[in-house]
Amino acid sequence: MNVRAINALDNILNEELTFGSMIKNIRETEYEGMTQIAFSEKVLGLSKSRLSDIENDRKMISIPKAIEFAGKLNQSKRFFVTIAMQDMVKKSNLDYVVRLEDCQNSKLAI
């Protein structure tokens, strides 16, 4: 998903898209309102309190964990990593937008 799509989602949700809000939305829509307990234990393999912390943006997740969640939820790894990294950038009070590109299709310029 690109930045325009993320911004469109933000406008629809009337709130900024965070990793936590994305996970909560997936749980409530694609898993038909599954409880945090069931979703955390049966789908993601973590504690209910950890899921609550993630969904309420009290805890961020690592890039490897974002990749793991994407696999378990049959979602885009690139999108999950982008949102997780954007949360990290925002928490650091940086005004940057994270964009990921395939290394095979672009030149790395630093």
PDB file of N, CA and C in Angstrom:
ATOM      1  N   MET A   1       0.854  -1.168   0.000  1.00  0.00           N
ATOM      2  CA  MET A   1       0.000   0.000   0.000  1.00  0.00           C
ATOM      3  C   MET A   1       0.903   1.235   0.000  1.00  0.00           C
ATOM      4  N   ASN A   2       0.508   2.260  -0.761  1.00  0.00           N
ATOM      5  CA  ASN A   2       1.337   3.456  -0.851  1.00  0.00           C
ATOM      6  C   ASN A   2       0.863   4.541   0.114  1.00  0.00           C
ATOM      7  N   VAL A   3       1.594   5.637   0.146  1.00  0.00           N
ATOM      8  CA  VAL A   3       1.306   6.708   1.099  1.00  0.00           C
ATOM      9  C   VAL A   3      -0.073   7.301   0.838  1.00  0.00           C
ATOM     10  N   ARG A   4      -0.460   7.458  -0.426  1.00  0.00           N
ATOM     11  CA  ARG A   4      -1.794   7.997  -0.720  1.00  0.00           C
ATOM     12  C   ARG A   4      -2.885   7.083  -0.185  1.00  0.00           C
ATOM     13  N   ALA A   5      -2.695   5.784  -0.319  1.00  0.00           N
ATOM     14  CA  ALA A   5      -3.678   4.830   0.200  1.00  0.00           C
ATOM     15  C   ALA A   5      -3.750   4.903   1.719  1.00  0.00           C
ATOM     16  N   ILE A   6      -2.607   5.039   2.365  1.00  0.00           N
ATOM     17  CA  ILE A   6      -2.586   5.162   3.825  1.00  0.00           C
ATOM     18  C   ILE A   6      -3.309   6.434   4.249  1.00  0.00           C
ATOM     19  N   ASN A   7      -3.047   7.539   3.560  1.00  0.00           N
ATOM     20  CA  ASN A   7      -3.725   8.796   3.892  1.00  0.00           C
ATOM     21  C   ASN A   7      -5.227   8.686   3.668  1.00  0.00           C
ATOM     22  N   ALA A   8      -5.631   7.997   2.621  1.00  0.00           N
ATOM     23  CA  ALA A   8      -7.062   7.792   2.370  1.00  0.00           C
ATOM     24  C   ALA A   8      -7.682   6.990   3.504  1.00  0.00           C
ATOM     25  N   LEU A   9      -6.981   5.951   3.944  1.00  0.00           N
ATOM     26  CA  LEU A   9      -7.464   5.156   5.074  1.00  0.00           C
ATOM     27  C   LEU A   9      -7.569   6.011   6.327  1.00  0.00           C
ATOM     28  N   ASP A  10      -6.575   6.870   6.558  1.00  0.00           N
ATOM     29  CA  ASP A  10      -6.610   7.768   7.715  1.00  0.00           C
ATOM     30  C   ASP A  10      -7.865   8.632   7.686  1.00  0.00           C
ATOM     31  N   ASN A  11      -8.177   9.161   6.512  1.00  0.00           N
ATOM     32  CA  ASN A  11      -9.359  10.016   6.384  1.00  0.00           C
ATOM     33  C   ASN A  11     -10.642   9.247   6.629  1.00  0.00           C
ATOM     34  N   ILE A  12     -10.713   8.028   6.134  1.00  0.00           N
ATOM     35  CA  ILE A  12     -11.899   7.200   6.329  1.00  0.00           C
ATOM     36  C   ILE A  12     -12.074   6.876   7.813  1.00  0.00           C
ATOM     37  N   LEU A  13     -10.978   6.543   8.460  1.00  0.00           N
ATOM     38  CA  LEU A  13     -11.020   6.162   9.866  1.00  0.00           C
ATOM     39  C   LEU A  13     -11.150   7.376  10.791  1.00  0.00           C
ATOM     40  N   ASN A  14     -10.930   8.565  10.244  1.00  0.00           N
ATOM     41  CA  ASN A  14     -10.917   9.794  11.034  1.00  0.00           C
ATOM     42  C   ASN A  14      -9.875   9.754  12.140  1.00  0.00           C
ATOM     43  N   GLU A  15      -8.874   8.970  11.932  1.00  0.00           N
ATOM     44  CA  GLU A  15      -7.752   8.914  12.870  1.00  0.00           C
ATOM     45  C   GLU A  15      -6.544   8.426  12.104  1.00  0.00           C
ATOM     46  N   GLU A  16      -5.392   8.691  12.658  1.00  0.00           N
ATOM     47  CA  GLU A  16      -4.166   8.261  12.016  1.00  0.00           C
ATOM     48  C   GLU A  16      -4.042   6.744  12.092  1.00  0.00           C
ATOM     49  N   LEU A  17      -3.619   6.148  10.996  1.00  0.00           N
ATOM     50  CA  LEU A  17      -3.426   4.703  10.970  1.00  0.00           C
ATOM     51  C   LEU A  17      -2.146   4.357  11.717  1.00  0.00           C
ATOM     52  N   THR A  18      -2.287   3.547  12.733  1.00  0.00           N
ATOM     53  CA  THR A  18      -1.135   3.043  13.475  1.00  0.00           C
ATOM     54  C   THR A  18      -1.158   1.523  13.380  1.00  0.00           C
ATOM     55  N   PHE A  19      -0.082   0.906  13.774  1.00  0.00           N
ATOM     56  CA  PHE A  19      -0.051  -0.551  13.748  1.00  0.00           C
ATOM     57  C   PHE A  19      -1.156  -1.103  14.642  1.00  0.00           C
ATOM     58  N   GLY A  20      -1.325  -0.483  15.799  1.00  0.00           N
ATOM     59  CA  GLY A  20      -2.352  -0.936  16.735  1.00  0.00           C
ATOM     60  C   GLY A  20      -3.758  -0.811  16.179  1.00  0.00           C
ATOM     61  N   SER A  21      -4.067   0.339  15.567  1.00  0.00           N
ATOM     62  CA  SER A  21      -5.414   0.514  15.013  1.00  0.00           C
ATOM     63  C   SER A  21      -5.645  -0.436  13.843  1.00  0.00           C
ATOM     64  N   MET A  22      -4.587  -0.725  13.091  1.00  0.00           N
ATOM     65  CA  MET A  22      -4.702  -1.663  11.978  1.00  0.00           C
ATOM     66  C   MET A  22      -5.007  -3.071  12.491  1.00  0.00           C
ATOM     67  N   ILE A  23      -4.288  -3.518  13.510  1.00  0.00           N
ATOM     68  CA  ILE A  23      -4.514  -4.856  14.069  1.00  0.00           C
ATOM     69  C   ILE A  23      -5.918  -4.955  14.650  1.00  0.00           C
ATOM     70  N   LYS A  24      -6.330  -3.924  15.372  1.00  0.00           N
ATOM     71  CA  LYS A  24      -7.671  -3.925  15.953  1.00  0.00           C
ATOM     72  C   LYS A  24      -8.731  -3.995  14.867  1.00  0.00           C
ATOM     73  N   ASN A  25      -8.540  -3.230  13.794  1.00  0.00           N
ATOM     74  CA  ASN A  25      -9.495  -3.242  12.685  1.00  0.00           C
ATOM     75  C   ASN A  25      -9.563  -4.613  12.028  1.00  0.00           C
ATOM     76  N   ILE A  26      -8.432  -5.257  11.844  1.00  0.00           N
ATOM     77  CA  ILE A  26      -8.403  -6.606  11.263  1.00  0.00           C
ATOM     78  C   ILE A  26      -9.141  -7.575  12.175  1.00  0.00           C
ATOM     79  N   ARG A  27      -8.873  -7.494  13.469  1.00  0.00           N
ATOM     80  CA  ARG A  27      -9.549  -8.382  14.428  1.00  0.00           C
ATOM     81  C   ARG A  27     -11.056  -8.191  14.387  1.00  0.00           C
ATOM     82  N   GLU A  28     -11.495  -6.947  14.360  1.00  0.00           N
ATOM     83  CA  GLU A  28     -12.930  -6.663  14.421  1.00  0.00           C
ATOM     84  C   GLU A  28     -13.663  -6.916  13.106  1.00  0.00           C
ATOM     85  N   THR A  29     -12.971  -6.830  11.991  1.00  0.00           N
ATOM     86  CA  THR A  29     -13.641  -7.001  10.698  1.00  0.00           C
ATOM     87  C   THR A  29     -13.397  -8.382  10.100  1.00  0.00           C
ATOM     88  N   GLU A  30     -12.147  -8.703   9.849  1.00  0.00           N
ATOM     89  CA  GLU A  30     -11.837  -9.967   9.191  1.00  0.00           C
ATOM     90  C   GLU A  30     -12.035 -11.174  10.103  1.00  0.00           C
ATOM     91  N   TYR A  31     -11.977 -10.948  11.402  1.00  0.00           N
ATOM     92  CA  TYR A  31     -12.175 -12.040  12.355  1.00  0.00           C
ATOM     93  C   TYR A  31     -13.492 -11.870  13.107  1.00  0.00           C
ATOM     94  N   GLU A  32     -14.395 -11.107  12.503  1.00  0.00           N
ATOM     95  CA  GLU A  32     -15.780 -10.941  12.951  1.00  0.00           C
ATOM     96  C   GLU A  32     -15.911 -10.676  14.453  1.00  0.00           C
ATOM     97  N   GLY A  33     -15.164  -9.684  14.929  1.00  0.00           N
ATOM     98  CA  GLY A  33     -15.290  -9.285  16.325  1.00  0.00           C
ATOM     99  C   GLY A  33     -14.741 -10.282  17.325  1.00  0.00           C
ATOM    100  N   MET A  34     -13.813 -11.117  16.897  1.00  0.00           N
ATOM    101  CA  MET A  34     -13.194 -12.074  17.815  1.00  0.00           C
ATOM    102  C   MET A  34     -12.659 -11.320  19.029  1.00  0.00           C
ATOM    103  N   THR A  35     -12.802 -11.880  20.195  1.00  0.00           N
ATOM    104  CA  THR A  35     -12.318 -11.219  21.409  1.00  0.00           C
ATOM    105  C   THR A  35     -10.804 -11.100  21.376  1.00  0.00           C
ATOM    106  N   GLN A  36     -10.292 -10.170  22.164  1.00  0.00           N
ATOM    107  CA  GLN A  36      -8.843 -10.016  22.261  1.00  0.00           C
ATOM    108  C   GLN A  36      -8.201 -11.302  22.773  1.00  0.00           C
ATOM    109  N   ILE A  37      -8.840 -11.947  23.713  1.00  0.00           N
ATOM    110  CA  ILE A  37      -8.274 -13.189  24.271  1.00  0.00           C
ATOM    111  C   ILE A  37      -8.133 -14.251  23.187  1.00  0.00           C
ATOM    112  N   ALA A  38      -9.208 -14.502  22.451  1.00  0.00           N
ATOM    113  CA  ALA A  38      -9.177 -15.535  21.415  1.00  0.00           C
ATOM    114  C   ALA A  38      -8.203 -15.159  20.303  1.00  0.00           C
ATOM    115  N   PHE A  39      -8.245 -13.915  19.858  1.00  0.00           N
ATOM    116  CA  PHE A  39      -7.385 -13.468  18.762  1.00  0.00           C
ATOM    117  C   PHE A  39      -5.917 -13.525  19.154  1.00  0.00           C
ATOM    118  N   SER A  40      -5.624 -13.063  20.359  1.00  0.00           N
ATOM    119  CA  SER A  40      -4.227 -13.042  20.796  1.00  0.00           C
ATOM    120  C   SER A  40      -3.663 -14.445  20.937  1.00  0.00           C
ATOM    121  N   GLU A  41      -4.434 -15.337  21.541  1.00  0.00           N
ATOM    122  CA  GLU A  41      -3.939 -16.692  21.801  1.00  0.00           C
ATOM    123  C   GLU A  41      -4.005 -17.595  20.571  1.00  0.00           C
ATOM    124  N   LYS A  42      -5.137 -17.605  19.877  1.00  0.00           N
ATOM    125  CA  LYS A  42      -5.335 -18.546  18.766  1.00  0.00           C
ATOM    126  C   LYS A  42      -4.732 -18.085  17.454  1.00  0.00           C
ATOM    127  N   VAL A  43      -4.712 -16.781  17.224  1.00  0.00           N
ATOM    128  CA  VAL A  43      -4.242 -16.285  15.931  1.00  0.00           C
ATOM    129  C   VAL A  43      -2.803 -15.777  16.000  1.00  0.00           C
ATOM    130  N   LEU A  44      -2.517 -14.916  16.966  1.00  0.00           N
ATOM    131  CA  LEU A  44      -1.199 -14.287  17.017  1.00  0.00           C
ATOM    132  C   LEU A  44      -0.196 -14.981  17.929  1.00  0.00           C
ATOM    133  N   GLY A  45      -0.683 -15.778  18.872  1.00  0.00           N
ATOM    134  CA  GLY A  45       0.228 -16.486  19.760  1.00  0.00           C
ATOM    135  C   GLY A  45       0.913 -15.587  20.771  1.00  0.00           C
ATOM    136  N   LEU A  46       0.159 -14.674  21.362  1.00  0.00           N
ATOM    137  CA  LEU A  46       0.697 -13.832  22.412  1.00  0.00           C
ATOM    138  C   LEU A  46      -0.365 -13.616  23.476  1.00  0.00           C
ATOM    139  N   SER A  47       0.004 -12.938  24.540  1.00  0.00           N
ATOM    140  CA  SER A  47      -0.947 -12.739  25.644  1.00  0.00           C
ATOM    141  C   SER A  47      -1.971 -11.669  25.285  1.00  0.00           C
ATOM    142  N   LYS A  48      -3.106 -11.730  25.971  1.00  0.00           N
ATOM    143  CA  LYS A  48      -4.165 -10.748  25.773  1.00  0.00           C
ATOM    144  C   LYS A  48      -3.676  -9.361  26.161  1.00  0.00           C
ATOM    145  N   SER A  49      -2.900  -9.270  27.233  1.00  0.00           N
ATOM    146  CA  SER A  49      -2.410  -7.962  27.674  1.00  0.00           C
ATOM    147  C   SER A  49      -1.454  -7.357  26.650  1.00  0.00           C
ATOM    148  N   ARG A  50      -0.637  -8.193  26.034  1.00  0.00           N
ATOM    149  CA  ARG A  50       0.276  -7.692  24.983  1.00  0.00           C
ATOM    150  C   ARG A  50      -0.528  -7.182  23.793  1.00  0.00           C
ATOM    151  N   LEU A  51      -1.553  -7.926  23.378  1.00  0.00           N
ATOM    152  CA  LEU A  51      -2.399  -7.484  22.268  1.00  0.00           C
ATOM    153  C   LEU A  51      -3.085  -6.168  22.628  1.00  0.00           C
ATOM    154  N   SER A  52      -3.591  -6.057  23.839  1.00  0.00           N
ATOM    155  CA  SER A  52      -4.241  -4.823  24.277  1.00  0.00           C
ATOM    156  C   SER A  52      -3.266  -3.649  24.199  1.00  0.00           C
ATOM    157  N   ASP A  53      -2.033  -3.870  24.645  1.00  0.00           N
ATOM    158  CA  ASP A  53      -1.017  -2.812  24.571  1.00  0.00           C
ATOM    159  C   ASP A  53      -0.743  -2.404  23.124  1.00  0.00           C
ATOM    160  N   ILE A  54      -0.699  -3.372  22.226  1.00  0.00           N
ATOM    161  CA  ILE A  54      -0.459  -3.078  20.804  1.00  0.00           C
ATOM    162  C   ILE A  54      -1.648  -2.320  20.214  1.00  0.00           C
ATOM    163  N   GLU A  55      -2.854  -2.842  20.423  1.00  0.00           N
ATOM    164  CA  GLU A  55      -4.046  -2.224  19.847  1.00  0.00           C
ATOM    165  C   GLU A  55      -4.275  -0.798  20.358  1.00  0.00           C
ATOM    166  N   ASN A  56      -3.864  -0.518  21.566  1.00  0.00           N
ATOM    167  CA  ASN A  56      -4.051   0.809  22.149  1.00  0.00           C
ATOM    168  C   ASN A  56      -2.799   1.683  22.040  1.00  0.00           C
ATOM    169  N   ASP A  57      -1.867   1.254  21.184  1.00  0.00           N
ATOM    170  CA  ASP A  57      -0.650   2.007  20.877  1.00  0.00           C
ATOM    171  C   ASP A  57       0.203   2.324  22.103  1.00  0.00           C
ATOM    172  N   ARG A  58       0.143   1.450  23.104  1.00  0.00           N
ATOM    173  CA  ARG A  58       1.008   1.614  24.275  1.00  0.00           C
ATOM    174  C   ARG A  58       2.355   0.938  24.055  1.00  0.00           C
ATOM    175  N   LYS A  59       2.367  -0.059  23.175  1.00  0.00           N
ATOM    176  CA  LYS A  59       3.607  -0.778  22.861  1.00  0.00           C
ATOM    177  C   LYS A  59       3.747  -0.877  21.350  1.00  0.00           C
ATOM    178  N   MET A  60       4.962  -0.685  20.884  1.00  0.00           N
ATOM    179  CA  MET A  60       5.252  -0.872  19.465  1.00  0.00           C
ATOM    180  C   MET A  60       5.786  -2.286  19.282  1.00  0.00           C
ATOM    181  N   ILE A  61       5.807  -2.711  18.046  1.00  0.00           N
ATOM    182  CA  ILE A  61       6.369  -4.026  17.774  1.00  0.00           C
ATOM    183  C   ILE A  61       7.590  -3.889  16.873  1.00  0.00           C
ATOM    184  N   SER A  62       8.420  -4.900  16.912  1.00  0.00           N
ATOM    185  CA  SER A  62       9.639  -4.908  16.115  1.00  0.00           C
ATOM    186  C   SER A  62       9.310  -5.258  14.661  1.00  0.00           C
ATOM    187  N   ILE A  63      10.271  -5.019  13.796  1.00  0.00           N
ATOM    188  CA  ILE A  63      10.096  -5.379  12.390  1.00  0.00           C
ATOM    189  C   ILE A  63       9.919  -6.889  12.230  1.00  0.00           C
ATOM    190  N   PRO A  64      10.731  -7.716  12.892  1.00  0.00           N
ATOM    191  CA  PRO A  64      10.486  -9.167  12.769  1.00  0.00           C
ATOM    192  C   PRO A  64       9.084  -9.578  13.235  1.00  0.00           C
ATOM    193  N   LYS A  65       8.573  -8.930  14.283  1.00  0.00           N
ATOM    194  CA  LYS A  65       7.232  -9.247  14.778  1.00  0.00           C
ATOM    195  C   LYS A  65       6.181  -8.787  13.770  1.00  0.00           C
ATOM    196  N   ALA A  66       6.391  -7.647  13.127  1.00  0.00           N
ATOM    197  CA  ALA A  66       5.465  -7.167  12.092  1.00  0.00           C
ATOM    198  C   ALA A  66       5.398  -8.170  10.943  1.00  0.00           C
ATOM    199  N   ILE A  67       6.546  -8.720  10.566  1.00  0.00           N
ATOM    200  CA  ILE A  67       6.600  -9.721   9.502  1.00  0.00           C
ATOM    201  C   ILE A  67       5.862 -10.981   9.940  1.00  0.00           C
ATOM    202  N   GLU A  68       6.076 -11.388  11.175  1.00  0.00           N
ATOM    203  CA  GLU A  68       5.397 -12.572  11.712  1.00  0.00           C
ATOM    204  C   GLU A  68       3.873 -12.384  11.707  1.00  0.00           C
ATOM    205  N   PHE A  69       3.416 -11.231  12.177  1.00  0.00           N
ATOM    206  CA  PHE A  69       1.976 -10.951  12.204  1.00  0.00           C
ATOM    207  C   PHE A  69       1.399 -10.948  10.791  1.00  0.00           C
ATOM    208  N   ALA A  70       2.116 -10.349   9.854  1.00  0.00           N
ATOM    209  CA  ALA A  70       1.639 -10.309   8.469  1.00  0.00           C
ATOM    210  C   ALA A  70       1.435 -11.730   7.940  1.00  0.00           C
ATOM    211  N   GLY A  71       2.376 -12.606   8.233  1.00  0.00           N
ATOM    212  CA  GLY A  71       2.247 -13.995   7.793  1.00  0.00           C
ATOM    213  C   GLY A  71       1.062 -14.690   8.435  1.00  0.00           C
ATOM    214  N   LYS A  72       0.895 -14.514   9.731  1.00  0.00           N
ATOM    215  CA  LYS A  72      -0.206 -15.158  10.442  1.00  0.00           C
ATOM    216  C   LYS A  72      -1.565 -14.637   9.995  1.00  0.00           C
ATOM    217  N   LEU A  73      -1.616 -13.371   9.577  1.00  0.00           N
ATOM    218  CA  LEU A  73      -2.880 -12.757   9.183  1.00  0.00           C
ATOM    219  C   LEU A  73      -3.075 -12.726   7.667  1.00  0.00           C
ATOM    220  N   ASN A  74      -2.130 -13.335   6.938  1.00  0.00           N
ATOM    221  CA  ASN A  74      -2.194 -13.392   5.476  1.00  0.00           C
ATOM    222  C   ASN A  74      -2.288 -11.982   4.875  1.00  0.00           C
ATOM    223  N   GLN A  75      -1.405 -11.104   5.344  1.00  0.00           N
ATOM    224  CA  GLN A  75      -1.379  -9.714   4.898  1.00  0.00           C
ATOM    225  C   GLN A  75      -0.014  -9.409   4.290  1.00  0.00           C
ATOM    226  N   SER A  76       0.113  -8.233   3.722  1.00  0.00           N
ATOM    227  CA  SER A  76       1.350  -7.791   3.082  1.00  0.00           C
ATOM    228  C   SER A  76       2.440  -7.519   4.123  1.00  0.00           C
ATOM    229  N   LYS A  77       3.563  -8.209   3.993  1.00  0.00           N
ATOM    230  CA  LYS A  77       4.695  -7.973   4.893  1.00  0.00           C
ATOM    231  C   LYS A  77       5.197  -6.540   4.735  1.00  0.00           C
ATOM    232  N   ARG A  78       5.268  -6.103   3.495  1.00  0.00           N
ATOM    233  CA  ARG A  78       5.757  -4.755   3.217  1.00  0.00           C
ATOM    234  C   ARG A  78       4.884  -3.706   3.909  1.00  0.00           C
ATOM    235  N   PHE A  79       3.582  -3.864   3.826  1.00  0.00           N
ATOM    236  CA  PHE A  79       2.673  -2.900   4.446  1.00  0.00           C
ATOM    237  C   PHE A  79       2.806  -2.928   5.969  1.00  0.00           C
ATOM    238  N   PHE A  80       2.835  -4.126   6.562  1.00  0.00           N
ATOM    239  CA  PHE A  80       2.948  -4.238   8.019  1.00  0.00           C
ATOM    240  C   PHE A  80       4.261  -3.634   8.510  1.00  0.00           C
ATOM    241  N   VAL A  81       5.357  -3.888   7.800  1.00  0.00           N
ATOM    242  CA  VAL A  81       6.653  -3.327   8.191  1.00  0.00           C
ATOM    243  C   VAL A  81       6.631  -1.809   8.049  1.00  0.00           C
ATOM    244  N   THR A  82       6.022  -1.313   6.974  1.00  0.00           N
ATOM    245  CA  THR A  82       5.932   0.134   6.771  1.00  0.00           C
ATOM    246  C   THR A  82       5.198   0.808   7.924  1.00  0.00           C
ATOM    247  N   ILE A  83       4.061   0.261   8.321  1.00  0.00           N
ATOM    248  CA  ILE A  83       3.281   0.866   9.399  1.00  0.00           C
ATOM    249  C   ILE A  83       4.035   0.771  10.731  1.00  0.00           C
ATOM    250  N   ALA A  84       4.672  -0.368  10.993  1.00  0.00           N
ATOM    251  CA  ALA A  84       5.455  -0.518  12.229  1.00  0.00           C
ATOM    252  C   ALA A  84       6.601   0.497  12.272  1.00  0.00           C
ATOM    253  N   MET A  85       7.291   0.660  11.146  1.00  0.00           N
ATOM    254  CA  MET A  85       8.397   1.620  11.091  1.00  0.00           C
ATOM    255  C   MET A  85       7.893   3.054  11.213  1.00  0.00           C
ATOM    256  N   GLN A  86       6.731   3.339  10.609  1.00  0.00           N
ATOM    257  CA  GLN A  86       6.169   4.691  10.714  1.00  0.00           C
ATOM    258  C   GLN A  86       5.851   5.028  12.172  1.00  0.00           C
ATOM    259  N   ASP A  87       5.337   4.039  12.902  1.00  0.00           N
ATOM    260  CA  ASP A  87       5.086   4.246  14.336  1.00  0.00           C
ATOM    261  C   ASP A  87       6.384   4.580  15.076  1.00  0.00           C
ATOM    262  N   MET A  88       7.468   3.873  14.738  1.00  0.00           N
ATOM    263  CA  MET A  88       8.756   4.119  15.390  1.00  0.00           C
ATOM    264  C   MET A  88       9.257   5.530  15.095  1.00  0.00           C
ATOM    265  N   VAL A  89       9.122   5.950  13.838  1.00  0.00           N
ATOM    266  CA  VAL A  89       9.561   7.286  13.434  1.00  0.00           C
ATOM    267  C   VAL A  89       8.750   8.352  14.169  1.00  0.00           C
ATOM    268  N   LYS A  90       7.443   8.162  14.211  1.00  0.00           N
ATOM    269  CA  LYS A  90       6.572   9.133  14.881  1.00  0.00           C
ATOM    270  C   LYS A  90       6.886   9.221  16.373  1.00  0.00           C
ATOM    271  N   LYS A  91       7.112   8.068  17.013  1.00  0.00           N
ATOM    272  CA  LYS A  91       7.424   8.061  18.441  1.00  0.00           C
ATOM    273  C   LYS A  91       8.726   8.816  18.725  1.00  0.00           C
ATOM    274  N   SER A  92       9.608   8.840  17.750  1.00  0.00           N
ATOM    275  CA  SER A  92      10.878   9.565  17.892  1.00  0.00           C
ATOM    276  C   SER A  92      10.727  11.045  17.548  1.00  0.00           C
ATOM    277  N   ASN A  93       9.477  11.474  17.335  1.00  0.00           N
ATOM    278  CA  ASN A  93       9.171  12.877  17.020  1.00  0.00           C
ATOM    279  C   ASN A  93       9.858  13.368  15.754  1.00  0.00           C
ATOM    280  N   LEU A  94       9.956  12.489  14.786  1.00  0.00           N
ATOM    281  CA  LEU A  94      10.521  12.852  13.495  1.00  0.00           C
ATOM    282  C   LEU A  94       9.388  13.046  12.497  1.00  0.00           C
ATOM    283  N   ASP A  95       9.520  14.049  11.677  1.00  0.00           N
ATOM    284  CA  ASP A  95       8.488  14.360  10.699  1.00  0.00           C
ATOM    285  C   ASP A  95       8.882  13.766   9.340  1.00  0.00           C
ATOM    286  N   TYR A  96       8.923  12.443   9.283  1.00  0.00           N
ATOM    287  CA  TYR A  96       9.287  11.730   8.065  1.00  0.00           C
ATOM    288  C   TYR A  96       8.179  10.740   7.719  1.00  0.00           C
ATOM    289  N   VAL A  97       8.143  10.380   6.450  1.00  0.00           N
ATOM    290  CA  VAL A  97       7.217   9.349   5.986  1.00  0.00           C
ATOM    291  C   VAL A  97       8.053   8.166   5.533  1.00  0.00           C
ATOM    292  N   VAL A  98       7.702   6.989   6.001  1.00  0.00           N
ATOM    293  CA  VAL A  98       8.430   5.774   5.646  1.00  0.00           C
ATOM    294  C   VAL A  98       7.859   5.211   4.351  1.00  0.00           C
ATOM    295  N   ARG A  99       8.747   4.923   3.415  1.00  0.00           N
ATOM    296  CA  ARG A  99       8.368   4.264   2.162  1.00  0.00           C
ATOM    297  C   ARG A  99       9.358   3.132   1.918  1.00  0.00           C
ATOM    298  N   LEU A 100       8.849   1.961   1.651  1.00  0.00           N
ATOM    299  CA  LEU A 100       9.716   0.821   1.371  1.00  0.00           C
ATOM    300  C   LEU A 100       9.661   0.490  -0.117  1.00  0.00           C
ATOM    301  N   GLU A 101      10.813   0.205  -0.682  1.00  0.00           N
ATOM    302  CA  GLU A 101      10.902  -0.220  -2.066  1.00  0.00           C
ATOM    303  C   GLU A 101      11.677  -1.514  -2.120  1.00  0.00           C
ATOM    304  N   ASP A 102      11.362  -2.329  -3.089  1.00  0.00           N
ATOM    305  CA  ASP A 102      12.124  -3.551  -3.313  1.00  0.00           C
ATOM    306  C   ASP A 102      13.534  -3.185  -3.733  1.00  0.00           C
ATOM    307  N   CYS A 103      14.525  -3.794  -3.135  1.00  0.00           N
ATOM    308  CA  CYS A 103      15.919  -3.513  -3.473  1.00  0.00           C
ATOM    309  C   CYS A 103      16.232  -3.870  -4.914  1.00  0.00           C
ATOM    310  N   GLN A 104      15.571  -4.876  -5.435  1.00  0.00           N
ATOM    311  CA  GLN A 104      15.830  -5.321  -6.797  1.00  0.00           C
ATOM    312  C   GLN A 104      15.377  -4.299  -7.832  1.00  0.00           C
ATOM    313  N   ASN A 105      14.415  -3.438  -7.477  1.00  0.00           N
ATOM    314  CA  ASN A 105      13.863  -2.493  -8.438  1.00  0.00           C
ATOM    315  C   ASN A 105      14.342  -1.058  -8.254  1.00  0.00           C
ATOM    316  N   SER A 106      15.218  -0.839  -7.302  1.00  0.00           N
ATOM    317  CA  SER A 106      15.686   0.523  -7.084  1.00  0.00           C
ATOM    318  C   SER A 106      17.136   0.523  -6.662  1.00  0.00           C
ATOM    319  N   LYS A 107      17.758   1.676  -6.826  1.00  0.00           N
ATOM    320  CA  LYS A 107      19.137   1.843  -6.374  1.00  0.00           C
ATOM    321  C   LYS A 107      19.109   2.468  -5.001  1.00  0.00           C
ATOM    322  N   LEU A 108      19.938   1.974  -4.122  1.00  0.00           N
ATOM    323  CA  LEU A 108      20.006   2.513  -2.769  1.00  0.00           C
ATOM    324  C   LEU A 108      20.885   3.758  -2.785  1.00  0.00           C
ATOM    325  N   ALA A 109      20.305   4.880  -2.429  1.00  0.00           N
ATOM    326  CA  ALA A 109      21.047   6.133  -2.376  1.00  0.00           C
ATOM    327  C   ALA A 109      20.989   6.662  -0.957  1.00  0.00           C
ATOM    328  N   ILE A 110      22.146   6.929  -0.401  1.00  0.00           N
ATOM    329  CA  ILE A 110      22.199   7.449   0.970  1.00  0.00           C
ATOM    330  C   ILE A 110      22.769   8.844   0.944  1.00  0.00           C
TER     331      ILE A 110
END
